Amino acid sequence: MNFMKAFTTALVFILFVNIALPCIWITGTKYNGDSVSTGKGGTWHLRSALKADRRPDGVKMEVELRGATNFNDRSDYSVALMFLGRSEEAVTLLNQLEKEKPGEYFIAANLGTAYELSGNNEEALKWIKEGIHRDPTSHKGTEWLHVKILEAKIAQQKDTNYFKSHSVLELQPEKIGVEITVGDHTYSPKEIRDAIEYQLSERMQFVKPHDAVVASLLFDYAAIEAATETLESAEEILQMAQQYGYPSDKVQPLLNLYNRRIAWRKTKRDIFTPPSPSGWFVCSRIGTKGNFVLTSRDLKK
């Protein structure tokens, strides 16, 4: 096997390795495997998700699994249908599989997503909650956030202006502390950050701009990122939120603030020495390697 053929084979394998999109599970061993770690940061995952197109995967799976009789293969066929935008067909198939073999986690998870992609958020919420009941640890324990997303989408159905005054998590950037309460539960900023990153990395592969829910989650994510990580990454996330349609009058003031803070820190790191005998000033910069980054401590100064 030559190098290019080997590379192509490896790439195809990676595309199908342990795929878990917004609560979508591919269970058949033919498409399953160990997870792949890129070692990249959260914003890298979001940019990749934004560019992703699952239709080619769906075309390949649909051809290979069409007419399958095995339970897991039929479940995977429903995933192919979702990749191809045929979510109502996926709902019908998954409901049949649930009747045949009640209690399987991946059927509940896939049903929740199929219903959501079909526009039936109430049924989606019911099945995502059922999935949590069947396996609370799935999706790295972040499905509580999927519940919040669906609750926000249902609220938006009742009030089209919901996201003009609300966000998915109702986070306030200036009040992010050691603990954050969401509903009846308390989380650390890192727990919320990890949950948002995980859920967005899945969701953005399906949901492209504009989308009020993703825009809202990105705005919440930027607030957490600014408080716990760096302002540079928070800026990038805010720009994605704007791309997804988050109101500019809410994004721009934060972008301006972060830019001022970043510029202030860069200036602070410029150290000027006293004049030399020749009358010249020598300027040296601390931290010349890599980009300047700010932590939450810098934001508070």
C-alpha atoms as a PDB file:
ATOM      1  CA  MET A   1       0.000   0.000   0.000  1.00  0.00           C
ATOM      2  CA  ASN A   2       1.523   3.341  -0.995  1.00  0.00           C
ATOM      3  CA  PHE A   3       1.662   6.339   1.345  1.00  0.00           C
ATOM      4  CA  MET A   4      -1.302   8.262  -0.114  1.00  0.00           C
ATOM      5  CA  LYS A   5      -3.560   5.193  -0.047  1.00  0.00           C
ATOM      6  CA  ALA A   6      -2.590   4.489   3.557  1.00  0.00           C
ATOM      7  CA  PHE A   7      -3.208   8.124   4.498  1.00  0.00           C
ATOM      8  CA  THR A   8      -6.640   8.113   2.838  1.00  0.00           C
ATOM      9  CA  THR A   9      -7.605   4.888   4.612  1.00  0.00           C
ATOM     10  CA  ALA A  10      -6.545   6.319   7.962  1.00  0.00           C
ATOM     11  CA  LEU A  11      -8.506   9.511   7.303  1.00  0.00           C
ATOM     12  CA  VAL A  12     -11.696   7.617   6.507  1.00  0.00           C
ATOM     13  CA  PHE A  13     -11.261   5.585   9.690  1.00  0.00           C
ATOM     14  CA  ILE A  14     -10.860   8.729  11.811  1.00  0.00           C
ATOM     15  CA  LEU A  15     -14.057  10.208  10.370  1.00  0.00           C
ATOM     16  CA  PHE A  16     -16.022   7.274  11.749  1.00  0.00           C
ATOM     17  CA  VAL A  17     -14.143   6.792  15.021  1.00  0.00           C
ATOM     18  CA  ASN A  18     -16.443   7.016  18.023  1.00  0.00           C
ATOM     19  CA  ILE A  19     -18.698   9.613  16.424  1.00  0.00           C
ATOM     20  CA  ALA A  20     -20.890  11.313  19.031  1.00  0.00           C
ATOM     21  CA  LEU A  21     -22.515  14.369  17.514  1.00  0.00           C
ATOM     22  CA  PRO A  22     -25.357  16.167  19.328  1.00  0.00           C
ATOM     23  CA  CYS A  23     -26.271  13.017  21.272  1.00  0.00           C
ATOM     24  CA  ILE A  24     -25.769  10.836  18.234  1.00  0.00           C
ATOM     25  CA  TRP A  25     -24.126   7.484  18.863  1.00  0.00           C
ATOM     26  CA  ILE A  26     -22.762   5.155  16.219  1.00  0.00           C
ATOM     27  CA  THR A  27     -22.683   1.748  17.866  1.00  0.00           C
ATOM     28  CA  GLY A  28     -21.768  -0.778  15.206  1.00  0.00           C
ATOM     29  CA  THR A  29     -18.207  -2.060  15.507  1.00  0.00           C
ATOM     30  CA  LYS A  30     -17.702  -1.356  11.820  1.00  0.00           C
ATOM     31  CA  TYR A  31     -17.713   2.383  12.573  1.00  0.00           C
ATOM     32  CA  ASN A  32     -16.600   2.337  16.187  1.00  0.00           C
ATOM     33  CA  GLY A  33     -13.192   2.721  17.802  1.00  0.00           C
ATOM     34  CA  ASP A  34     -11.079   4.651  20.273  1.00  0.00           C
ATOM     35  CA  SER A  35     -11.491   8.406  20.537  1.00  0.00           C
ATOM     36  CA  VAL A  36      -8.965  10.594  18.790  1.00  0.00           C
ATOM     37  CA  SER A  37      -7.290  13.426  20.696  1.00  0.00           C
ATOM     38  CA  THR A  38      -5.899  16.318  18.663  1.00  0.00           C
ATOM     39  CA  GLY A  39      -4.214  18.086  21.539  1.00  0.00           C
ATOM     40  CA  LYS A  40      -5.761  21.329  20.271  1.00  0.00           C
ATOM     41  CA  GLY A  41      -7.579  23.943  22.311  1.00  0.00           C
ATOM     42  CA  GLY A  42     -11.300  24.545  22.532  1.00  0.00           C
ATOM     43  CA  THR A  43     -11.478  27.260  19.876  1.00  0.00           C
ATOM     44  CA  TRP A  44      -9.720  24.917  17.433  1.00  0.00           C
ATOM     45  CA  HIS A  45     -12.468  22.343  17.976  1.00  0.00           C
ATOM     46  CA  LEU A  46     -15.148  24.974  17.410  1.00  0.00           C
ATOM     47  CA  ARG A  47     -13.572  26.204  14.170  1.00  0.00           C
ATOM     48  CA  SER A  48     -13.324  22.596  12.961  1.00  0.00           C
ATOM     49  CA  ALA A  49     -16.947  21.917  13.895  1.00  0.00           C
ATOM     50  CA  LEU A  50     -18.076  25.051  12.064  1.00  0.00           C
ATOM     51  CA  LYS A  51     -16.372  23.833   8.865  1.00  0.00           C
ATOM     52  CA  ALA A  52     -17.563  20.234   9.187  1.00  0.00           C
ATOM     53  CA  ASP A  53     -19.922  18.672   6.651  1.00  0.00           C
ATOM     54  CA  ARG A  54     -21.396  15.296   7.647  1.00  0.00           C
ATOM     55  CA  ARG A  55     -23.289  14.634   4.421  1.00  0.00           C
ATOM     56  CA  PRO A  56     -20.393  12.726   2.785  1.00  0.00           C
ATOM     57  CA  ASP A  57     -20.229  10.500   5.884  1.00  0.00           C
ATOM     58  CA  GLY A  58     -23.971  10.004   5.647  1.00  0.00           C
ATOM     59  CA  VAL A  59     -23.817   9.045   1.982  1.00  0.00           C
ATOM     60  CA  LYS A  60     -21.171   6.387   2.659  1.00  0.00           C
ATOM     61  CA  MET A  61     -22.977   4.969   5.695  1.00  0.00           C
ATOM     62  CA  GLU A  62     -26.387   4.977   4.015  1.00  0.00           C
ATOM     63  CA  VAL A  63     -25.061   2.924   1.093  1.00  0.00           C
ATOM     64  CA  GLU A  64     -23.223   0.432   3.313  1.00  0.00           C
ATOM     65  CA  LEU A  65     -26.022  -0.009   5.882  1.00  0.00           C
ATOM     66  CA  ARG A  66     -29.094   0.094   3.638  1.00  0.00           C
ATOM     67  CA  GLY A  67     -31.142  -3.045   4.172  1.00  0.00           C
ATOM     68  CA  ALA A  68     -29.256  -4.058   7.334  1.00  0.00           C
ATOM     69  CA  THR A  69     -31.050  -6.447   9.702  1.00  0.00           C
ATOM     70  CA  ASN A  70     -28.703  -6.283  12.716  1.00  0.00           C
ATOM     71  CA  PHE A  71     -30.070  -4.109  15.559  1.00  0.00           C
ATOM     72  CA  ASN A  72     -26.941  -1.953  15.920  1.00  0.00           C
ATOM     73  CA  ASP A  73     -26.520  -1.545  12.173  1.00  0.00           C
ATOM     74  CA  ARG A  74     -30.116  -0.364  11.871  1.00  0.00           C
ATOM     75  CA  SER A  75     -29.463   2.136  14.648  1.00  0.00           C
ATOM     76  CA  ASP A  76     -26.397   3.339  12.754  1.00  0.00           C
ATOM     77  CA  TYR A  77     -28.520   3.596   9.616  1.00  0.00           C
ATOM     78  CA  SER A  78     -30.705   6.092  11.488  1.00  0.00           C
ATOM     79  CA  VAL A  79     -27.555   8.146  12.077  1.00  0.00           C
ATOM     80  CA  ALA A  80     -26.827   8.101   8.343  1.00  0.00           C
ATOM     81  CA  LEU A  81     -30.343   9.406   7.746  1.00  0.00           C
ATOM     82  CA  MET A  82     -29.725  12.270  10.188  1.00  0.00           C
ATOM     83  CA  PHE A  83     -26.435  13.106   8.479  1.00  0.00           C
ATOM     84  CA  LEU A  84     -28.407  13.366   5.230  1.00  0.00           C
ATOM     85  CA  GLY A  85     -31.127  15.578   6.707  1.00  0.00           C
ATOM     86  CA  ARG A  86     -33.734  12.790   6.721  1.00  0.00           C
ATOM     87  CA  SER A  87     -34.421  13.097  10.443  1.00  0.00           C
ATOM     88  CA  GLU A  88     -38.134  12.198  10.278  1.00  0.00           C
ATOM     89  CA  GLU A  89     -37.246   8.841   8.740  1.00  0.00           C
ATOM     90  CA  ALA A  90     -34.702   8.404  11.533  1.00  0.00           C
ATOM     91  CA  VAL A  91     -37.416   9.065  14.142  1.00  0.00           C
ATOM     92  CA  THR A  92     -39.629   6.345  12.651  1.00  0.00           C
ATOM     93  CA  LEU A  93     -36.804   3.801  12.570  1.00  0.00           C
ATOM     94  CA  LEU A  94     -35.589   4.589  16.093  1.00  0.00           C
ATOM     95  CA  ASN A  95     -39.080   4.320  17.569  1.00  0.00           C
ATOM     96  CA  GLN A  96     -39.331   0.858  16.013  1.00  0.00           C
ATOM     97  CA  LEU A  97     -35.950  -0.109  17.512  1.00  0.00           C
ATOM     98  CA  GLU A  98     -37.064   1.162  20.934  1.00  0.00           C
ATOM     99  CA  LYS A  99     -40.119  -1.105  20.769  1.00  0.00           C
ATOM    100  CA  GLU A 100     -37.981  -4.079  19.785  1.00  0.00           C
ATOM    101  CA  LYS A 101     -35.387  -3.566  22.506  1.00  0.00           C
ATOM    102  CA  PRO A 102     -36.467  -1.072  25.172  1.00  0.00           C
ATOM    103  CA  GLY A 103     -33.942   0.522  27.515  1.00  0.00           C
ATOM    104  CA  GLU A 104     -30.896   0.987  25.270  1.00  0.00           C
ATOM    105  CA  TYR A 105     -29.119   4.271  25.999  1.00  0.00           C
ATOM    106  CA  PHE A 106     -28.008   4.985  22.449  1.00  0.00           C
ATOM    107  CA  ILE A 107     -31.550   4.614  21.109  1.00  0.00           C
ATOM    108  CA  ALA A 108     -32.839   7.223  23.572  1.00  0.00           C
ATOM    109  CA  ALA A 109     -29.942   9.577  22.749  1.00  0.00           C
ATOM    110  CA  ASN A 110     -30.427   9.205  19.002  1.00  0.00           C
ATOM    111  CA  LEU A 111     -34.197   9.614  19.322  1.00  0.00           C
ATOM    112  CA  GLY A 112     -33.683  12.852  21.251  1.00  0.00           C
ATOM    113  CA  THR A 113     -31.456  14.231  18.529  1.00  0.00           C
ATOM    114  CA  ALA A 114     -33.631  12.980  15.672  1.00  0.00           C
ATOM    115  CA  TYR A 115     -36.670  14.661  17.206  1.00  0.00           C
ATOM    116  CA  GLU A 116     -34.704  17.883  17.724  1.00  0.00           C
ATOM    117  CA  LEU A 117     -33.474  17.894  14.126  1.00  0.00           C
ATOM    118  CA  SER A 118     -37.088  17.323  13.067  1.00  0.00           C
ATOM    119  CA  GLY A 119     -38.200  20.394  15.015  1.00  0.00           C
ATOM    120  CA  ASN A 120     -40.041  18.537  17.784  1.00  0.00           C
ATOM    121  CA  ASN A 121     -38.221  19.937  20.807  1.00  0.00           C
ATOM    122  CA  GLU A 122     -40.732  18.675  23.374  1.00  0.00           C
ATOM    123  CA  GLU A 123     -40.212  15.038  22.342  1.00  0.00           C
ATOM    124  CA  ALA A 124     -36.496  15.694  22.031  1.00  0.00           C
ATOM    125  CA  LEU A 125     -36.381  16.914  25.632  1.00  0.00           C
ATOM    126  CA  LYS A 126     -38.295  13.846  26.806  1.00  0.00           C
ATOM    127  CA  TRP A 127     -35.817  11.452  25.151  1.00  0.00           C
ATOM    128  CA  ILE A 128     -32.673  13.328  26.151  1.00  0.00           C
ATOM    129  CA  LYS A 129     -33.860  13.187  29.763  1.00  0.00           C
ATOM    130  CA  GLU A 130     -34.565   9.477  29.303  1.00  0.00           C
ATOM    131  CA  GLY A 131     -31.051   9.047  27.950  1.00  0.00           C
ATOM    132  CA  ILE A 132     -29.629  10.730  31.059  1.00  0.00           C
ATOM    133  CA  HIS A 133     -31.716   8.370  33.188  1.00  0.00           C
ATOM    134  CA  ARG A 134     -30.291   5.382  31.331  1.00  0.00           C
ATOM    135  CA  ASP A 135     -26.681   6.592  31.420  1.00  0.00           C
ATOM    136  CA  PRO A 136     -25.905   9.765  33.441  1.00  0.00           C
ATOM    137  CA  THR A 137     -22.195   9.608  32.522  1.00  0.00           C
ATOM    138  CA  SER A 138     -22.654   9.660  28.764  1.00  0.00           C
ATOM    139  CA  HIS A 139     -21.151  12.494  26.738  1.00  0.00           C
ATOM    140  CA  LYS A 140     -18.768  13.126  29.611  1.00  0.00           C
ATOM    141  CA  GLY A 141     -21.693  13.960  31.871  1.00  0.00           C
ATOM    142  CA  THR A 142     -22.623  17.072  29.854  1.00  0.00           C
ATOM    143  CA  GLU A 143     -26.146  16.105  28.808  1.00  0.00           C
ATOM    144  CA  TRP A 144     -27.569  18.398  31.496  1.00  0.00           C
ATOM    145  CA  LEU A 145     -26.554  21.189  29.114  1.00  0.00           C
ATOM    146  CA  HIS A 146     -28.419  19.577  26.227  1.00  0.00           C
ATOM    147  CA  VAL A 147     -31.502  19.691  28.467  1.00  0.00           C
ATOM    148  CA  LYS A 148     -30.943  23.432  29.068  1.00  0.00           C
ATOM    149  CA  ILE A 149     -30.542  23.968  25.319  1.00  0.00           C
ATOM    150  CA  LEU A 150     -33.841  22.254  24.576  1.00  0.00           C
ATOM    151  CA  GLU A 151     -35.627  24.136  27.357  1.00  0.00           C
ATOM    152  CA  ALA A 152     -34.358  27.397  25.857  1.00  0.00           C
ATOM    153  CA  LYS A 153     -35.501  26.340  22.375  1.00  0.00           C
ATOM    154  CA  ILE A 154     -38.972  25.562  23.723  1.00  0.00           C
ATOM    155  CA  ALA A 155     -39.047  28.983  25.420  1.00  0.00           C
ATOM    156  CA  GLN A 156     -38.069  30.560  22.090  1.00  0.00           C
ATOM    157  CA  GLN A 157     -40.978  28.787  20.379  1.00  0.00           C
ATOM    158  CA  LYS A 158     -43.322  30.508  22.830  1.00  0.00           C
ATOM    159  CA  ASP A 159     -41.563  33.882  22.602  1.00  0.00           C
ATOM    160  CA  THR A 160     -39.685  34.660  19.390  1.00  0.00           C
ATOM    161  CA  ASN A 161     -37.815  37.458  21.189  1.00  0.00           C
ATOM    162  CA  TYR A 162     -36.643  35.159  24.002  1.00  0.00           C
ATOM    163  CA  PHE A 163     -32.937  35.376  23.168  1.00  0.00           C
ATOM    164  CA  LYS A 164     -33.007  39.162  23.027  1.00  0.00           C
ATOM    165  CA  SER A 165     -33.148  39.185  26.816  1.00  0.00           C
ATOM    166  CA  HIS A 166     -32.059  35.654  27.766  1.00  0.00           C
ATOM    167  CA  SER A 167     -29.271  33.181  27.116  1.00  0.00           C
ATOM    168  CA  VAL A 168     -29.167  29.407  27.476  1.00  0.00           C
ATOM    169  CA  LEU A 169     -27.410  29.561  30.864  1.00  0.00           C
ATOM    170  CA  GLU A 170     -28.241  33.157  31.839  1.00  0.00           C
ATOM    171  CA  LEU A 171     -24.599  33.808  32.741  1.00  0.00           C
ATOM    172  CA  GLN A 172     -23.544  37.315  33.731  1.00  0.00           C
ATOM    173  CA  PRO A 173     -19.913  37.960  32.714  1.00  0.00           C
ATOM    174  CA  GLU A 174     -19.235  40.287  35.626  1.00  0.00           C
ATOM    175  CA  LYS A 175     -20.551  37.818  38.216  1.00  0.00           C
ATOM    176  CA  ILE A 176     -18.673  34.629  37.339  1.00  0.00           C
ATOM    177  CA  GLY A 177     -17.072  33.353  40.515  1.00  0.00           C
ATOM    178  CA  VAL A 178     -15.752  30.164  42.051  1.00  0.00           C
ATOM    179  CA  GLU A 179     -19.161  28.508  41.715  1.00  0.00           C
ATOM    180  CA  ILE A 180     -21.994  29.058  39.250  1.00  0.00           C
ATOM    181  CA  THR A 181     -25.568  27.968  39.863  1.00  0.00           C
ATOM    182  CA  VAL A 182     -27.563  26.713  36.891  1.00  0.00           C
ATOM    183  CA  GLY A 183     -31.063  25.643  37.807  1.00  0.00           C
ATOM    184  CA  ASP A 184     -30.848  23.470  40.924  1.00  0.00           C
ATOM    185  CA  HIS A 185     -27.191  22.561  40.483  1.00  0.00           C
ATOM    186  CA  THR A 186     -23.900  24.281  41.209  1.00  0.00           C
ATOM    187  CA  TYR A 187     -20.883  23.914  38.936  1.00  0.00           C
ATOM    188  CA  SER A 188     -17.352  25.217  38.823  1.00  0.00           C
ATOM    189  CA  PRO A 189     -16.524  27.541  35.908  1.00  0.00           C
ATOM    190  CA  LYS A 190     -14.316  24.770  34.467  1.00  0.00           C
ATOM    191  CA  GLU A 191     -17.185  22.261  34.540  1.00  0.00           C
ATOM    192  CA  ILE A 192     -19.421  24.673  32.655  1.00  0.00           C
ATOM    193  CA  ARG A 193     -16.634  25.591  30.236  1.00  0.00           C
ATOM    194  CA  ASP A 194     -15.939  21.918  29.451  1.00  0.00           C
ATOM    195  CA  ALA A 195     -19.653  21.171  29.010  1.00  0.00           C
ATOM    196  CA  ILE A 196     -20.192  24.094  26.636  1.00  0.00           C
ATOM    197  CA  GLU A 197     -17.105  23.225  24.605  1.00  0.00           C
ATOM    198  CA  TYR A 198     -18.164  19.583  24.309  1.00  0.00           C
ATOM    199  CA  GLN A 199     -21.765  20.315  23.375  1.00  0.00           C
ATOM    200  CA  LEU A 200     -20.862  23.093  20.938  1.00  0.00           C
ATOM    201  CA  SER A 201     -18.199  20.996  19.226  1.00  0.00           C
ATOM    202  CA  GLU A 202     -20.930  18.452  18.506  1.00  0.00           C
ATOM    203  CA  ARG A 203     -23.767  20.850  17.705  1.00  0.00           C
ATOM    204  CA  MET A 204     -21.876  23.162  15.354  1.00  0.00           C
ATOM    205  CA  GLN A 205     -21.224  20.234  13.001  1.00  0.00           C
ATOM    206  CA  PHE A 206     -24.964  20.189  12.312  1.00  0.00           C
ATOM    207  CA  VAL A 207     -26.116  23.732  13.037  1.00  0.00           C
ATOM    208  CA  LYS A 208     -24.596  26.477  10.898  1.00  0.00           C
ATOM    209  CA  PRO A 209     -25.044  30.279  11.147  1.00  0.00           C
ATOM    210  CA  HIS A 210     -27.400  31.877  11.920  1.00  0.00           C
ATOM    211  CA  ASP A 211     -28.773  30.146  15.013  1.00  0.00           C
ATOM    212  CA  ALA A 212     -29.896  31.897  18.188  1.00  0.00           C
ATOM    213  CA  VAL A 213     -29.191  28.942  20.491  1.00  0.00           C
ATOM    214  CA  VAL A 214     -25.612  28.421  19.328  1.00  0.00           C
ATOM    215  CA  ALA A 215     -25.012  32.184  19.369  1.00  0.00           C
ATOM    216  CA  SER A 216     -26.249  32.337  22.958  1.00  0.00           C
ATOM    217  CA  LEU A 217     -24.080  29.408  24.051  1.00  0.00           C
ATOM    218  CA  LEU A 218     -21.043  30.963  22.402  1.00  0.00           C
ATOM    219  CA  PHE A 219     -21.691  34.195  24.280  1.00  0.00           C
ATOM    220  CA  ASP A 220     -21.916  32.284  27.564  1.00  0.00           C
ATOM    221  CA  TYR A 221     -18.759  30.367  26.640  1.00  0.00           C
ATOM    222  CA  ALA A 222     -16.870  33.612  25.982  1.00  0.00           C
ATOM    223  CA  ALA A 223     -17.804  34.884  29.442  1.00  0.00           C
ATOM    224  CA  ILE A 224     -16.423  31.726  31.047  1.00  0.00           C
ATOM    225  CA  GLU A 225     -13.317  31.806  28.859  1.00  0.00           C
ATOM    226  CA  ALA A 226     -12.541  35.410  29.829  1.00  0.00           C
ATOM    227  CA  ALA A 227     -12.911  34.589  33.509  1.00  0.00           C
ATOM    228  CA  THR A 228     -10.915  31.362  33.532  1.00  0.00           C
ATOM    229  CA  GLU A 229      -8.586  31.293  30.521  1.00  0.00           C
ATOM    230  CA  THR A 230      -7.469  34.075  28.161  1.00  0.00           C
ATOM    231  CA  LEU A 231      -9.029  37.189  26.690  1.00  0.00           C
ATOM    232  CA  GLU A 232      -7.650  36.337  23.264  1.00  0.00           C
ATOM    233  CA  SER A 233      -9.647  33.094  23.083  1.00  0.00           C
ATOM    234  CA  ALA A 234     -12.690  34.854  24.575  1.00  0.00           C
ATOM    235  CA  GLU A 235     -12.460  37.422  21.754  1.00  0.00           C
ATOM    236  CA  GLU A 236     -12.419  34.671  19.144  1.00  0.00           C
ATOM    237  CA  ILE A 237     -15.465  33.002  20.691  1.00  0.00           C
ATOM    238  CA  LEU A 238     -17.337  36.322  20.819  1.00  0.00           C
ATOM    239  CA  GLN A 239     -16.651  36.801  17.125  1.00  0.00           C
ATOM    240  CA  MET A 240     -18.151  33.348  16.472  1.00  0.00           C
ATOM    241  CA  ALA A 241     -21.196  34.355  18.553  1.00  0.00           C
ATOM    242  CA  GLN A 242     -21.599  37.406  16.340  1.00  0.00           C
ATOM    243  CA  GLN A 243     -21.223  35.202  13.262  1.00  0.00           C
ATOM    244  CA  TYR A 244     -24.085  33.039  14.551  1.00  0.00           C
ATOM    245  CA  GLY A 245     -26.238  36.130  14.986  1.00  0.00           C
ATOM    246  CA  TYR A 246     -25.722  37.278  18.576  1.00  0.00           C
ATOM    247  CA  PRO A 247     -26.632  41.003  18.806  1.00  0.00           C
ATOM    248  CA  SER A 248     -23.696  43.289  18.056  1.00  0.00           C
ATOM    249  CA  ASP A 249     -24.781  45.756  20.734  1.00  0.00           C
ATOM    250  CA  LYS A 250     -24.052  43.059  23.335  1.00  0.00           C
ATOM    251  CA  VAL A 251     -20.898  41.650  21.736  1.00  0.00           C
ATOM    252  CA  GLN A 252     -19.111  44.857  20.791  1.00  0.00           C
ATOM    253  CA  PRO A 253     -18.825  46.396  24.296  1.00  0.00           C
ATOM    254  CA  LEU A 254     -17.127  43.216  25.542  1.00  0.00           C
ATOM    255  CA  LEU A 255     -14.830  43.088  22.517  1.00  0.00           C
ATOM    256  CA  ASN A 256     -13.851  46.703  23.159  1.00  0.00           C
ATOM    257  CA  LEU A 257     -13.182  45.936  26.824  1.00  0.00           C
ATOM    258  CA  TYR A 258     -11.050  42.904  26.034  1.00  0.00           C
ATOM    259  CA  ASN A 259      -9.092  44.829  23.403  1.00  0.00           C
ATOM    260  CA  ARG A 260      -8.339  47.594  25.899  1.00  0.00           C
ATOM    261  CA  ARG A 261      -7.212  45.081  28.503  1.00  0.00           C
ATOM    262  CA  ILE A 262      -4.989  43.256  26.039  1.00  0.00           C
ATOM    263  CA  ALA A 263      -3.428  46.505  24.834  1.00  0.00           C
ATOM    264  CA  TRP A 264      -2.891  47.625  28.432  1.00  0.00           C
ATOM    265  CA  ARG A 265      -1.100  44.435  29.334  1.00  0.00           C
ATOM    266  CA  LYS A 266       1.095  44.622  26.244  1.00  0.00           C
ATOM    267  CA  THR A 267       2.074  48.166  27.132  1.00  0.00           C
ATOM    268  CA  LYS A 268       2.765  47.159  30.705  1.00  0.00           C
ATOM    269  CA  ARG A 269       5.145  44.469  29.482  1.00  0.00           C
ATOM    270  CA  ASP A 270       7.211  46.965  27.547  1.00  0.00           C
ATOM    271  CA  ILE A 271      10.067  47.982  29.800  1.00  0.00           C
ATOM    272  CA  PHE A 272      12.040  51.091  28.947  1.00  0.00           C
ATOM    273  CA  THR A 273      15.542  51.422  30.317  1.00  0.00           C
ATOM    274  CA  PRO A 274      17.082  54.826  31.249  1.00  0.00           C
ATOM    275  CA  PRO A 275      18.768  56.751  28.415  1.00  0.00           C
ATOM    276  CA  SER A 276      22.131  55.383  27.307  1.00  0.00           C
ATOM    277  CA  PRO A 277      25.146  57.685  27.027  1.00  0.00           C
ATOM    278  CA  SER A 278      24.428  58.126  23.370  1.00  0.00           C
ATOM    279  CA  GLY A 279      20.990  59.474  24.165  1.00  0.00           C
ATOM    280  CA  TRP A 280      19.061  56.478  22.788  1.00  0.00           C
ATOM    281  CA  PHE A 281      16.394  54.542  24.638  1.00  0.00           C
ATOM    282  CA  VAL A 282      16.588  50.792  24.619  1.00  0.00           C
ATOM    283  CA  CYS A 283      13.231  49.018  24.612  1.00  0.00           C
ATOM    284  CA  SER A 284      12.977  45.392  25.600  1.00  0.00           C
ATOM    285  CA  ARG A 285       9.861  43.243  25.569  1.00  0.00           C
ATOM    286  CA  ILE A 286       9.163  40.517  28.092  1.00  0.00           C
ATOM    287  CA  GLY A 287       7.680  37.319  26.778  1.00  0.00           C
ATOM    288  CA  THR A 288       8.603  37.647  23.129  1.00  0.00           C
ATOM    289  CA  LYS A 289       7.803  34.000  22.463  1.00  0.00           C
ATOM    290  CA  GLY A 290       4.261  33.352  21.308  1.00  0.00           C
ATOM    291  CA  ASN A 291       1.248  35.599  21.702  1.00  0.00           C
ATOM    292  CA  PHE A 292       0.488  37.675  24.738  1.00  0.00           C
ATOM    293  CA  VAL A 293      -2.294  36.136  26.774  1.00  0.00           C
ATOM    294  CA  LEU A 294      -4.231  37.332  29.767  1.00  0.00           C
ATOM    295  CA  THR A 295      -5.713  35.380  32.610  1.00  0.00           C
ATOM    296  CA  SER A 296      -8.716  36.245  34.718  1.00  0.00           C
ATOM    297  CA  ARG A 297      -6.365  38.019  37.131  1.00  0.00           C
ATOM    298  CA  ASP A 298      -5.421  40.439  34.377  1.00  0.00           C
ATOM    299  CA  LEU A 299      -9.071  41.196  33.640  1.00  0.00           C
ATOM    300  CA  LYS A 300      -9.646  42.212  37.242  1.00  0.00           C
ATOM    301  CA  LYS A 301      -6.719  44.665  37.330  1.00  0.00           C
END
